[in-house]
Amino acid sequence: MYLDKLYDSFKQISKVVQYGDLQFIDQTTELKNKSNDCIKKIDLLSHDYIVNNIREIPNIMGYISEESEDICLFDNKMNTGDSYLLAFDPIDGSKNILANITVGTIYILYKFDLETLNVTHIVEAGYCLYGPRTIMVKTNNNIVEQFSLTYDDIFKKDRNISFNDNDEKIYSINESNRFSNELNDLIKYYKANNYNQRWVGSMVADCHQILSKGGIFMYPSSEKYSNGKLRLLYEVLPFSYIFKIAGGVGIDNNNIDILETYKNYKIELKNIHKSIPIILCSKKEYDVLINFIELRDNIFC
């Protein structure tokens, strides 16, 4: 399925992030999203660019956005075959805009059953990173591809991303949160074994660093966010899918594969903005994590 119109919206967002009036795009509106974050002008602009572009893609029957209350279906759109639904976070990390720290867009295309409202299959997932360079990363069947936006306004392929190509010891977590004793012990383990801690504060930037260099990203349950903070349909599942294709894994608080848990997920109004804890890592770091948990359980059993 061709998503060129979606990719065009990333080019539009990139220009606004780079050259837009900073005071204007950083402006906070009176609205709040389901994450209880204040919605900024850049969030709304990015949302509108994406929606206006995907209207022109045949068989995308609607969308879920972090900035929308409900599933939004396009009016008067003829379904001539399979139906698809796009879920997206227009600007991940918009709180970072004023400080000129990297932000991004996350998206996932689901095959969608209009009658049952089930998402039955992931077709493609990806993100666009608006940093020193504008970089788009997306799945293409069994590979993860990285593209850079050129002077000619074209996304040019740089490379394929695979965990076989990187092996740095990095852990990425917001240590200002209060975690379980088990997780605090894990962080101590990483420090004792010469891992470097990296935390930008936008999921796109933090996960891209892990995909590029190796390591583990964690947004688990905490005292502040007992159910995790990251949204299942347009943050957790896209990155779980990307990590799987790249040779990694996305797991929940019980170390269970997230993609297996949420197969054939039925969307309902009450759960389109559902949040869950998540850990994303290479298979090597997954083995390190499981071995640590087993050893700790044996010590404290």
C-alpha atoms as a PDB file:
ATOM      1  CA  MET A   1       0.000   0.000   0.000  1.00  0.00           C
ATOM      2  CA  TYR A   2       1.362   3.403  -0.989  1.00  0.00           C
ATOM      3  CA  LEU A   3       1.672   5.899   1.871  1.00  0.00           C
ATOM      4  CA  ASP A   4       3.473   8.678  -0.005  1.00  0.00           C
ATOM      5  CA  LYS A   5       0.828  11.202   1.063  1.00  0.00           C
ATOM      6  CA  LEU A   6       1.521  10.325   4.707  1.00  0.00           C
ATOM      7  CA  TYR A   7       5.243  10.780   4.166  1.00  0.00           C
ATOM      8  CA  ASP A   8       4.528  14.165   2.545  1.00  0.00           C
ATOM      9  CA  SER A   9       2.930  15.276   5.806  1.00  0.00           C
ATOM     10  CA  PHE A  10       6.216  14.555   7.575  1.00  0.00           C
ATOM     11  CA  LYS A  11       7.947  16.956   5.188  1.00  0.00           C
ATOM     12  CA  GLN A  12       5.377  19.623   6.020  1.00  0.00           C
ATOM     13  CA  ILE A  13       5.794  19.073   9.761  1.00  0.00           C
ATOM     14  CA  SER A  14       9.573  19.155   9.417  1.00  0.00           C
ATOM     15  CA  LYS A  15       9.445  22.601   7.837  1.00  0.00           C
ATOM     16  CA  VAL A  16       7.182  23.962  10.571  1.00  0.00           C
ATOM     17  CA  VAL A  17       9.426  22.538  13.315  1.00  0.00           C
ATOM     18  CA  GLN A  18      12.565  23.962  11.677  1.00  0.00           C
ATOM     19  CA  TYR A  19      11.341  27.294  10.349  1.00  0.00           C
ATOM     20  CA  GLY A  20       8.015  28.095  12.015  1.00  0.00           C
ATOM     21  CA  ASP A  21       7.556  30.933  14.469  1.00  0.00           C
ATOM     22  CA  LEU A  22       8.814  29.266  17.654  1.00  0.00           C
ATOM     23  CA  GLN A  23       6.694  31.341  20.003  1.00  0.00           C
ATOM     24  CA  PHE A  24       3.594  30.475  17.956  1.00  0.00           C
ATOM     25  CA  ILE A  25       4.091  26.719  17.517  1.00  0.00           C
ATOM     26  CA  ASP A  26       5.068  26.332  21.191  1.00  0.00           C
ATOM     27  CA  GLN A  27       1.901  28.125  22.282  1.00  0.00           C
ATOM     28  CA  THR A  28      -0.329  26.100  24.611  1.00  0.00           C
ATOM     29  CA  THR A  29      -3.992  25.894  23.643  1.00  0.00           C
ATOM     30  CA  GLU A  30      -6.889  25.524  26.080  1.00  0.00           C
ATOM     31  CA  LEU A  31      -7.244  21.861  25.089  1.00  0.00           C
ATOM     32  CA  LYS A  32      -5.875  18.749  26.792  1.00  0.00           C
ATOM     33  CA  ASN A  33      -5.503  15.293  25.277  1.00  0.00           C
ATOM     34  CA  LYS A  34      -6.254  11.924  26.878  1.00  0.00           C
ATOM     35  CA  SER A  35      -2.732  11.825  28.302  1.00  0.00           C
ATOM     36  CA  ASN A  36      -3.759  14.973  30.200  1.00  0.00           C
ATOM     37  CA  ASP A  37      -1.049  16.886  28.372  1.00  0.00           C
ATOM     38  CA  CYS A  38      -1.764  20.428  27.250  1.00  0.00           C
ATOM     39  CA  ILE A  39      -2.096  20.496  23.471  1.00  0.00           C
ATOM     40  CA  LYS A  40       0.260  22.891  21.722  1.00  0.00           C
ATOM     41  CA  LYS A  41      -0.177  24.621  18.377  1.00  0.00           C
ATOM     42  CA  ILE A  42       2.440  22.313  16.860  1.00  0.00           C
ATOM     43  CA  ASP A  43       0.373  19.290  17.938  1.00  0.00           C
ATOM     44  CA  LEU A  44      -2.730  20.610  16.169  1.00  0.00           C
ATOM     45  CA  LEU A  45      -0.866  21.716  13.046  1.00  0.00           C
ATOM     46  CA  SER A  46       0.813  18.320  12.726  1.00  0.00           C
ATOM     47  CA  HIS A  47      -2.464  16.493  13.330  1.00  0.00           C
ATOM     48  CA  ASP A  48      -4.146  18.506  10.577  1.00  0.00           C
ATOM     49  CA  TYR A  49      -1.327  17.928   8.075  1.00  0.00           C
ATOM     50  CA  ILE A  50      -1.545  14.166   8.573  1.00  0.00           C
ATOM     51  CA  VAL A  51      -5.350  13.987   8.435  1.00  0.00           C
ATOM     52  CA  ASN A  52      -5.592  16.160   5.309  1.00  0.00           C
ATOM     53  CA  ASN A  53      -2.998  14.033   3.528  1.00  0.00           C
ATOM     54  CA  ILE A  54      -4.308  10.592   4.423  1.00  0.00           C
ATOM     55  CA  ARG A  55      -7.808  11.555   3.241  1.00  0.00           C
ATOM     56  CA  GLU A  56      -6.386  11.114  -0.248  1.00  0.00           C
ATOM     57  CA  ILE A  57      -5.123   7.556   0.351  1.00  0.00           C
ATOM     58  CA  PRO A  58      -7.625   4.980  -0.911  1.00  0.00           C
ATOM     59  CA  ASN A  59      -8.936   2.475   1.649  1.00  0.00           C
ATOM     60  CA  ILE A  60      -7.702   4.354   4.731  1.00  0.00           C
ATOM     61  CA  MET A  61     -11.167   4.663   6.190  1.00  0.00           C
ATOM     62  CA  GLY A  62     -10.233   6.681   9.271  1.00  0.00           C
ATOM     63  CA  TYR A  63      -7.752   7.338  12.008  1.00  0.00           C
ATOM     64  CA  ILE A  64      -6.961   7.465  15.706  1.00  0.00           C
ATOM     65  CA  SER A  65      -4.866  10.400  16.877  1.00  0.00           C
ATOM     66  CA  GLU A  66      -3.608  11.336  20.313  1.00  0.00           C
ATOM     67  CA  GLU A  67      -5.339  14.661  19.725  1.00  0.00           C
ATOM     68  CA  SER A  68      -8.771  13.112  18.980  1.00  0.00           C
ATOM     69  CA  GLU A  69     -11.290  11.804  21.486  1.00  0.00           C
ATOM     70  CA  ASP A  70     -12.607   8.918  19.400  1.00  0.00           C
ATOM     71  CA  ILE A  71     -12.058   6.877  16.270  1.00  0.00           C
ATOM     72  CA  CYS A  72     -12.579   9.250  13.344  1.00  0.00           C
ATOM     73  CA  LEU A  73     -14.001   7.759  10.138  1.00  0.00           C
ATOM     74  CA  PHE A  74     -13.937   9.715   6.890  1.00  0.00           C
ATOM     75  CA  ASP A  75     -17.360  10.640   5.528  1.00  0.00           C
ATOM     76  CA  ASN A  76     -18.433   9.512   2.058  1.00  0.00           C
ATOM     77  CA  LYS A  77     -15.309   7.458   1.456  1.00  0.00           C
ATOM     78  CA  MET A  78     -15.932   4.454  -0.767  1.00  0.00           C
ATOM     79  CA  ASN A  79     -14.379   1.175   0.352  1.00  0.00           C
ATOM     80  CA  THR A  80     -13.167  -0.644  -2.767  1.00  0.00           C
ATOM     81  CA  GLY A  81     -11.260  -3.405  -1.009  1.00  0.00           C
ATOM     82  CA  ASP A  82      -9.534  -3.990   2.306  1.00  0.00           C
ATOM     83  CA  SER A  83     -10.074  -1.337   4.963  1.00  0.00           C
ATOM     84  CA  TYR A  84      -7.262   0.335   6.894  1.00  0.00           C
ATOM     85  CA  LEU A  85      -6.981   2.562   9.939  1.00  0.00           C
ATOM     86  CA  LEU A  86      -4.051   4.868  10.704  1.00  0.00           C
ATOM     87  CA  ALA A  87      -3.154   5.518  14.346  1.00  0.00           C
ATOM     88  CA  PHE A  88      -0.630   8.228  15.126  1.00  0.00           C
ATOM     89  CA  ASP A  89       0.911  10.598  17.621  1.00  0.00           C
ATOM     90  CA  PRO A  90       1.339  13.815  15.583  1.00  0.00           C
ATOM     91  CA  ILE A  91       4.132  15.257  17.721  1.00  0.00           C
ATOM     92  CA  ASP A  92       5.772  13.081  20.329  1.00  0.00           C
ATOM     93  CA  GLY A  93       7.678  15.225  22.818  1.00  0.00           C
ATOM     94  CA  SER A  94       6.093  18.578  21.976  1.00  0.00           C
ATOM     95  CA  LYS A  95       7.117  19.826  25.429  1.00  0.00           C
ATOM     96  CA  ASN A  96      10.649  19.867  24.021  1.00  0.00           C
ATOM     97  CA  ILE A  97       9.894  22.311  21.200  1.00  0.00           C
ATOM     98  CA  LEU A  98      10.903  25.524  22.983  1.00  0.00           C
ATOM     99  CA  ALA A  99      14.192  23.980  24.133  1.00  0.00           C
ATOM    100  CA  ASN A 100      14.923  22.861  20.532  1.00  0.00           C
ATOM    101  CA  ILE A 101      15.168  19.208  21.573  1.00  0.00           C
ATOM    102  CA  THR A 102      14.316  16.445  19.117  1.00  0.00           C
ATOM    103  CA  VAL A 103      10.628  15.607  18.609  1.00  0.00           C
ATOM    104  CA  GLY A 104       8.908  13.225  16.231  1.00  0.00           C
ATOM    105  CA  THR A 105       5.800  11.623  14.745  1.00  0.00           C
ATOM    106  CA  ILE A 106       4.798   7.995  15.384  1.00  0.00           C
ATOM    107  CA  TYR A 107       2.396   6.073  13.152  1.00  0.00           C
ATOM    108  CA  ILE A 108       1.012   2.602  12.518  1.00  0.00           C
ATOM    109  CA  LEU A 109      -1.250   1.335   9.748  1.00  0.00           C
ATOM    110  CA  TYR A 110      -3.702  -1.371  10.765  1.00  0.00           C
ATOM    111  CA  LYS A 111      -5.858  -3.577   8.621  1.00  0.00           C
ATOM    112  CA  PHE A 112      -9.263  -2.799  10.035  1.00  0.00           C
ATOM    113  CA  ASP A 113     -12.633  -4.537  10.208  1.00  0.00           C
ATOM    114  CA  LEU A 114     -15.274  -1.812   9.947  1.00  0.00           C
ATOM    115  CA  GLU A 115     -18.039  -4.042  11.298  1.00  0.00           C
ATOM    116  CA  THR A 116     -16.333  -5.407  14.408  1.00  0.00           C
ATOM    117  CA  LEU A 117     -13.892  -2.482  14.936  1.00  0.00           C
ATOM    118  CA  ASN A 118     -11.070  -5.017  15.291  1.00  0.00           C
ATOM    119  CA  VAL A 119      -7.555  -4.174  14.196  1.00  0.00           C
ATOM    120  CA  THR A 120      -6.651  -7.478  12.617  1.00  0.00           C
ATOM    121  CA  HIS A 121      -3.186  -6.988  11.186  1.00  0.00           C
ATOM    122  CA  ILE A 122      -0.283  -4.515  11.259  1.00  0.00           C
ATOM    123  CA  VAL A 123       0.614  -3.438   7.740  1.00  0.00           C
ATOM    124  CA  GLU A 124       3.347  -0.879   8.460  1.00  0.00           C
ATOM    125  CA  ALA A 125       4.751   1.066  11.390  1.00  0.00           C
ATOM    126  CA  GLY A 126       7.223   3.875  11.535  1.00  0.00           C
ATOM    127  CA  TYR A 127       8.205   7.289  12.806  1.00  0.00           C
ATOM    128  CA  CYS A 128       9.742  10.528  11.674  1.00  0.00           C
ATOM    129  CA  LEU A 129      12.428  12.207  13.750  1.00  0.00           C
ATOM    130  CA  TYR A 130      12.760  16.009  13.534  1.00  0.00           C
ATOM    131  CA  GLY A 131      16.277  16.646  14.780  1.00  0.00           C
ATOM    132  CA  PRO A 132      19.514  17.955  13.255  1.00  0.00           C
ATOM    133  CA  ARG A 133      18.339  15.862  10.304  1.00  0.00           C
ATOM    134  CA  THR A 134      14.821  14.806   9.448  1.00  0.00           C
ATOM    135  CA  ILE A 135      14.890  11.013   9.489  1.00  0.00           C
ATOM    136  CA  MET A 136      12.060   8.642   8.647  1.00  0.00           C
ATOM    137  CA  VAL A 137      12.170   5.034   9.810  1.00  0.00           C
ATOM    138  CA  LYS A 138       9.597   2.502   8.624  1.00  0.00           C
ATOM    139  CA  THR A 139       8.985  -1.188   8.299  1.00  0.00           C
ATOM    140  CA  ASN A 140       8.930  -2.749   4.855  1.00  0.00           C
ATOM    141  CA  ASN A 141       7.845  -6.371   5.164  1.00  0.00           C
ATOM    142  CA  ASN A 142      10.716  -8.002   7.092  1.00  0.00           C
ATOM    143  CA  ILE A 143      13.147  -5.090   7.219  1.00  0.00           C
ATOM    144  CA  VAL A 144      13.341  -1.710   8.943  1.00  0.00           C
ATOM    145  CA  GLU A 145      14.471   1.083   6.621  1.00  0.00           C
ATOM    146  CA  GLN A 146      15.911   4.504   7.452  1.00  0.00           C
ATOM    147  CA  PHE A 147      15.576   7.521   5.147  1.00  0.00           C
ATOM    148  CA  SER A 148      16.962  11.069   5.377  1.00  0.00           C
ATOM    149  CA  LEU A 149      15.177  14.121   3.991  1.00  0.00           C
ATOM    150  CA  THR A 150      17.420  15.753   1.379  1.00  0.00           C
ATOM    151  CA  TYR A 151      17.788  19.358   0.191  1.00  0.00           C
ATOM    152  CA  ASP A 152      15.553  18.362  -2.725  1.00  0.00           C
ATOM    153  CA  ASP A 153      12.745  17.473  -0.305  1.00  0.00           C
ATOM    154  CA  ILE A 154      13.077  13.753  -1.037  1.00  0.00           C
ATOM    155  CA  PHE A 155      13.374  10.925   1.459  1.00  0.00           C
ATOM    156  CA  LYS A 156      16.558   9.108   0.428  1.00  0.00           C
ATOM    157  CA  LYS A 157      17.299   5.690   1.876  1.00  0.00           C
ATOM    158  CA  ASP A 158      20.355   5.549   4.145  1.00  0.00           C
ATOM    159  CA  ARG A 159      20.369   2.004   5.477  1.00  0.00           C
ATOM    160  CA  ASN A 160      18.483  -0.903   6.964  1.00  0.00           C
ATOM    161  CA  ILE A 161      18.331  -0.985  10.769  1.00  0.00           C
ATOM    162  CA  SER A 162      19.099  -4.218  12.590  1.00  0.00           C
ATOM    163  CA  PHE A 163      20.219  -5.043  16.110  1.00  0.00           C
ATOM    164  CA  ASN A 164      22.895  -7.258  14.533  1.00  0.00           C
ATOM    165  CA  ASP A 165      24.746  -4.042  13.636  1.00  0.00           C
ATOM    166  CA  ASN A 166      24.987  -2.524  17.122  1.00  0.00           C
ATOM    167  CA  ASP A 167      26.030  -3.595  20.584  1.00  0.00           C
ATOM    168  CA  GLU A 168      26.325  -0.598  22.922  1.00  0.00           C
ATOM    169  CA  LYS A 169      25.321  -0.927  26.574  1.00  0.00           C
ATOM    170  CA  ILE A 170      22.663   1.765  27.003  1.00  0.00           C
ATOM    171  CA  TYR A 171      19.651   1.921  29.260  1.00  0.00           C
ATOM    172  CA  SER A 172      16.998   4.581  28.711  1.00  0.00           C
ATOM    173  CA  ILE A 173      14.553   5.350  31.513  1.00  0.00           C
ATOM    174  CA  ASN A 174      13.217   8.388  33.359  1.00  0.00           C
ATOM    175  CA  GLU A 175      14.935   7.914  36.714  1.00  0.00           C
ATOM    176  CA  SER A 176      12.962  10.770  38.277  1.00  0.00           C
ATOM    177  CA  ASN A 177      10.032   8.334  38.639  1.00  0.00           C
ATOM    178  CA  ARG A 178       9.655   5.967  41.613  1.00  0.00           C
ATOM    179  CA  PHE A 179       9.822   2.297  40.601  1.00  0.00           C
ATOM    180  CA  SER A 180       9.474  -1.135  42.179  1.00  0.00           C
ATOM    181  CA  ASN A 181      12.361  -2.593  44.169  1.00  0.00           C
ATOM    182  CA  GLU A 182      12.972  -5.093  41.363  1.00  0.00           C
ATOM    183  CA  LEU A 183      13.363  -2.339  38.789  1.00  0.00           C
ATOM    184  CA  ASN A 184      15.548  -0.256  41.093  1.00  0.00           C
ATOM    185  CA  ASP A 185      17.808  -3.286  41.485  1.00  0.00           C
ATOM    186  CA  LEU A 186      17.924  -3.677  37.710  1.00  0.00           C
ATOM    187  CA  ILE A 187      19.038  -0.058  37.309  1.00  0.00           C
ATOM    188  CA  LYS A 188      21.749  -0.664  39.913  1.00  0.00           C
ATOM    189  CA  TYR A 189      22.834  -3.715  37.904  1.00  0.00           C
ATOM    190  CA  TYR A 190      23.153  -1.626  34.739  1.00  0.00           C
ATOM    191  CA  LYS A 191      25.234   0.978  36.537  1.00  0.00           C
ATOM    192  CA  ALA A 192      27.496  -1.666  38.077  1.00  0.00           C
ATOM    193  CA  ASN A 193      28.054  -3.184  34.635  1.00  0.00           C
ATOM    194  CA  ASN A 194      29.069   0.053  32.921  1.00  0.00           C
ATOM    195  CA  TYR A 195      25.895   0.809  31.015  1.00  0.00           C
ATOM    196  CA  ASN A 196      25.407   4.422  29.933  1.00  0.00           C
ATOM    197  CA  GLN A 197      22.100   6.091  30.840  1.00  0.00           C
ATOM    198  CA  ARG A 198      20.458   8.146  28.077  1.00  0.00           C
ATOM    199  CA  TRP A 199      17.138   9.989  28.345  1.00  0.00           C
ATOM    200  CA  VAL A 200      15.830  12.657  25.935  1.00  0.00           C
ATOM    201  CA  GLY A 201      12.196  12.686  26.994  1.00  0.00           C
ATOM    202  CA  SER A 202      10.554  11.950  23.654  1.00  0.00           C
ATOM    203  CA  MET A 203       9.877   8.301  22.850  1.00  0.00           C
ATOM    204  CA  VAL A 204      10.910   8.747  19.217  1.00  0.00           C
ATOM    205  CA  ALA A 205      14.357  10.078  20.088  1.00  0.00           C
ATOM    206  CA  ASP A 206      15.013   7.612  22.917  1.00  0.00           C
ATOM    207  CA  CYS A 207      13.883   4.558  20.947  1.00  0.00           C
ATOM    208  CA  HIS A 208      15.743   5.643  17.808  1.00  0.00           C
ATOM    209  CA  GLN A 209      18.942   5.798  19.843  1.00  0.00           C
ATOM    210  CA  ILE A 210      18.407   2.228  21.083  1.00  0.00           C
ATOM    211  CA  LEU A 211      17.632   0.997  17.566  1.00  0.00           C
ATOM    212  CA  SER A 212      20.748   2.749  16.244  1.00  0.00           C
ATOM    213  CA  LYS A 213      23.193   1.787  18.991  1.00  0.00           C
ATOM    214  CA  GLY A 214      21.748  -1.090  21.016  1.00  0.00           C
ATOM    215  CA  GLY A 215      20.470  -1.340  24.595  1.00  0.00           C
ATOM    216  CA  ILE A 216      17.118  -1.144  26.338  1.00  0.00           C
ATOM    217  CA  PHE A 217      14.301   1.421  26.597  1.00  0.00           C
ATOM    218  CA  MET A 218      11.923   1.266  29.565  1.00  0.00           C
ATOM    219  CA  TYR A 219       8.715   3.058  30.440  1.00  0.00           C
ATOM    220  CA  PRO A 220       7.368   0.712  33.131  1.00  0.00           C
ATOM    221  CA  SER A 221       4.686   1.230  35.715  1.00  0.00           C
ATOM    222  CA  SER A 222       5.715   3.621  38.463  1.00  0.00           C
ATOM    223  CA  GLU A 223       4.296   5.324  41.512  1.00  0.00           C
ATOM    224  CA  LYS A 224       3.139   8.181  39.278  1.00  0.00           C
ATOM    225  CA  TYR A 225       1.954   6.044  36.344  1.00  0.00           C
ATOM    226  CA  SER A 226       0.692   2.731  37.702  1.00  0.00           C
ATOM    227  CA  ASN A 227      -0.529   1.629  34.248  1.00  0.00           C
ATOM    228  CA  GLY A 228       2.397   3.109  32.385  1.00  0.00           C
ATOM    229  CA  LYS A 229       2.154   6.335  30.400  1.00  0.00           C
ATOM    230  CA  LEU A 230       2.687   5.354  26.777  1.00  0.00           C
ATOM    231  CA  ARG A 231      -0.380   4.729  24.618  1.00  0.00           C
ATOM    232  CA  LEU A 232      -0.951   1.233  23.293  1.00  0.00           C
ATOM    233  CA  LEU A 233      -2.371   1.874  19.828  1.00  0.00           C
ATOM    234  CA  TYR A 234      -0.121   4.661  18.563  1.00  0.00           C
ATOM    235  CA  GLU A 235       3.060   4.438  20.654  1.00  0.00           C
ATOM    236  CA  VAL A 236       3.519   0.988  22.182  1.00  0.00           C
ATOM    237  CA  LEU A 237       2.379  -1.230  19.294  1.00  0.00           C
ATOM    238  CA  PRO A 238       4.225   0.728  16.569  1.00  0.00           C
ATOM    239  CA  PHE A 239       7.537   0.506  18.385  1.00  0.00           C
ATOM    240  CA  SER A 240       6.978  -3.103  19.463  1.00  0.00           C
ATOM    241  CA  TYR A 241       6.478  -3.972  15.797  1.00  0.00           C
ATOM    242  CA  ILE A 242       9.507  -1.969  14.636  1.00  0.00           C
ATOM    243  CA  PHE A 243      11.715  -3.551  17.307  1.00  0.00           C
ATOM    244  CA  LYS A 244      10.506  -7.044  16.389  1.00  0.00           C
ATOM    245  CA  ILE A 245      11.325  -6.541  12.695  1.00  0.00           C
ATOM    246  CA  ALA A 246      14.746  -5.119  13.650  1.00  0.00           C
ATOM    247  CA  GLY A 247      15.492  -8.237  15.724  1.00  0.00           C
ATOM    248  CA  GLY A 248      14.350  -7.067  19.147  1.00  0.00           C
ATOM    249  CA  VAL A 249      11.247  -7.338  21.298  1.00  0.00           C
ATOM    250  CA  GLY A 250       8.607  -5.277  23.091  1.00  0.00           C
ATOM    251  CA  ILE A 251       7.400  -6.682  26.418  1.00  0.00           C
ATOM    252  CA  ASP A 252       5.053  -5.643  29.211  1.00  0.00           C
ATOM    253  CA  ASN A 253       5.564  -5.579  33.000  1.00  0.00           C
ATOM    254  CA  ASN A 254       5.213  -9.374  33.113  1.00  0.00           C
ATOM    255  CA  ASN A 255       7.851  -9.824  30.396  1.00  0.00           C
ATOM    256  CA  ILE A 256       5.208 -11.037  27.938  1.00  0.00           C
ATOM    257  CA  ASP A 257       5.463 -10.177  24.233  1.00  0.00           C
ATOM    258  CA  ILE A 258       3.106  -7.232  23.627  1.00  0.00           C
ATOM    259  CA  LEU A 259       2.403  -8.116  19.996  1.00  0.00           C
ATOM    260  CA  GLU A 260       1.180 -11.563  21.047  1.00  0.00           C
ATOM    261  CA  THR A 261      -1.020 -10.156  23.808  1.00  0.00           C
ATOM    262  CA  TYR A 262      -2.816  -7.662  21.553  1.00  0.00           C
ATOM    263  CA  LYS A 263      -3.472  -9.717  18.441  1.00  0.00           C
ATOM    264  CA  ASN A 264      -6.933  -9.000  16.976  1.00  0.00           C
ATOM    265  CA  TYR A 265      -7.478  -6.144  19.407  1.00  0.00           C
ATOM    266  CA  LYS A 266     -11.049  -4.834  19.534  1.00  0.00           C
ATOM    267  CA  ILE A 267     -11.144  -1.048  19.636  1.00  0.00           C
ATOM    268  CA  GLU A 268     -13.701   0.583  21.903  1.00  0.00           C
ATOM    269  CA  LEU A 269     -14.166   4.220  22.846  1.00  0.00           C
ATOM    270  CA  LYS A 270     -13.000   3.521  26.390  1.00  0.00           C
ATOM    271  CA  ASN A 271      -9.743   1.925  25.287  1.00  0.00           C
ATOM    272  CA  ILE A 272      -8.448   3.806  22.225  1.00  0.00           C
ATOM    273  CA  HIS A 273      -6.119   5.822  24.488  1.00  0.00           C
ATOM    274  CA  LYS A 274      -5.266   2.901  26.778  1.00  0.00           C
ATOM    275  CA  SER A 275      -1.752   3.082  28.238  1.00  0.00           C
ATOM    276  CA  ILE A 276       0.426   0.148  29.270  1.00  0.00           C
ATOM    277  CA  PRO A 277       3.954  -0.314  30.624  1.00  0.00           C
ATOM    278  CA  ILE A 278       6.567  -1.211  28.017  1.00  0.00           C
ATOM    279  CA  ILE A 279      10.152  -2.388  27.679  1.00  0.00           C
ATOM    280  CA  LEU A 280      11.808  -2.332  24.254  1.00  0.00           C
ATOM    281  CA  CYS A 281      15.203  -3.916  23.666  1.00  0.00           C
ATOM    282  CA  SER A 282      17.411  -6.134  21.566  1.00  0.00           C
ATOM    283  CA  LYS A 283      17.147  -9.891  22.077  1.00  0.00           C
ATOM    284  CA  LYS A 284      20.549  -9.800  23.738  1.00  0.00           C
ATOM    285  CA  GLU A 285      19.326  -7.282  26.325  1.00  0.00           C
ATOM    286  CA  TYR A 286      16.139  -9.291  26.769  1.00  0.00           C
ATOM    287  CA  ASP A 287      18.267 -12.290  27.766  1.00  0.00           C
ATOM    288  CA  VAL A 288      20.253 -10.096  30.187  1.00  0.00           C
ATOM    289  CA  LEU A 289      16.987  -8.875  31.720  1.00  0.00           C
ATOM    290  CA  ILE A 290      15.478 -12.354  32.130  1.00  0.00           C
ATOM    291  CA  ASN A 291      18.696 -13.754  33.597  1.00  0.00           C
ATOM    292  CA  PHE A 292      18.845 -10.892  36.094  1.00  0.00           C
ATOM    293  CA  ILE A 293      15.223 -11.448  37.165  1.00  0.00           C
ATOM    294  CA  GLU A 294      15.752 -15.188  37.608  1.00  0.00           C
ATOM    295  CA  LEU A 295      18.928 -14.627  39.632  1.00  0.00           C
ATOM    296  CA  ARG A 296      17.262 -12.010  41.799  1.00  0.00           C
ATOM    297  CA  ASP A 297      14.246 -14.262  42.409  1.00  0.00           C
ATOM    298  CA  ASN A 298      16.527 -17.087  43.494  1.00  0.00           C
ATOM    299  CA  ILE A 299      18.358 -14.830  45.930  1.00  0.00           C
ATOM    300  CA  PHE A 300      15.186 -13.411  47.507  1.00  0.00           C
ATOM    301  CA  CYS A 301      12.931 -16.457  47.318  1.00  0.00           C
END
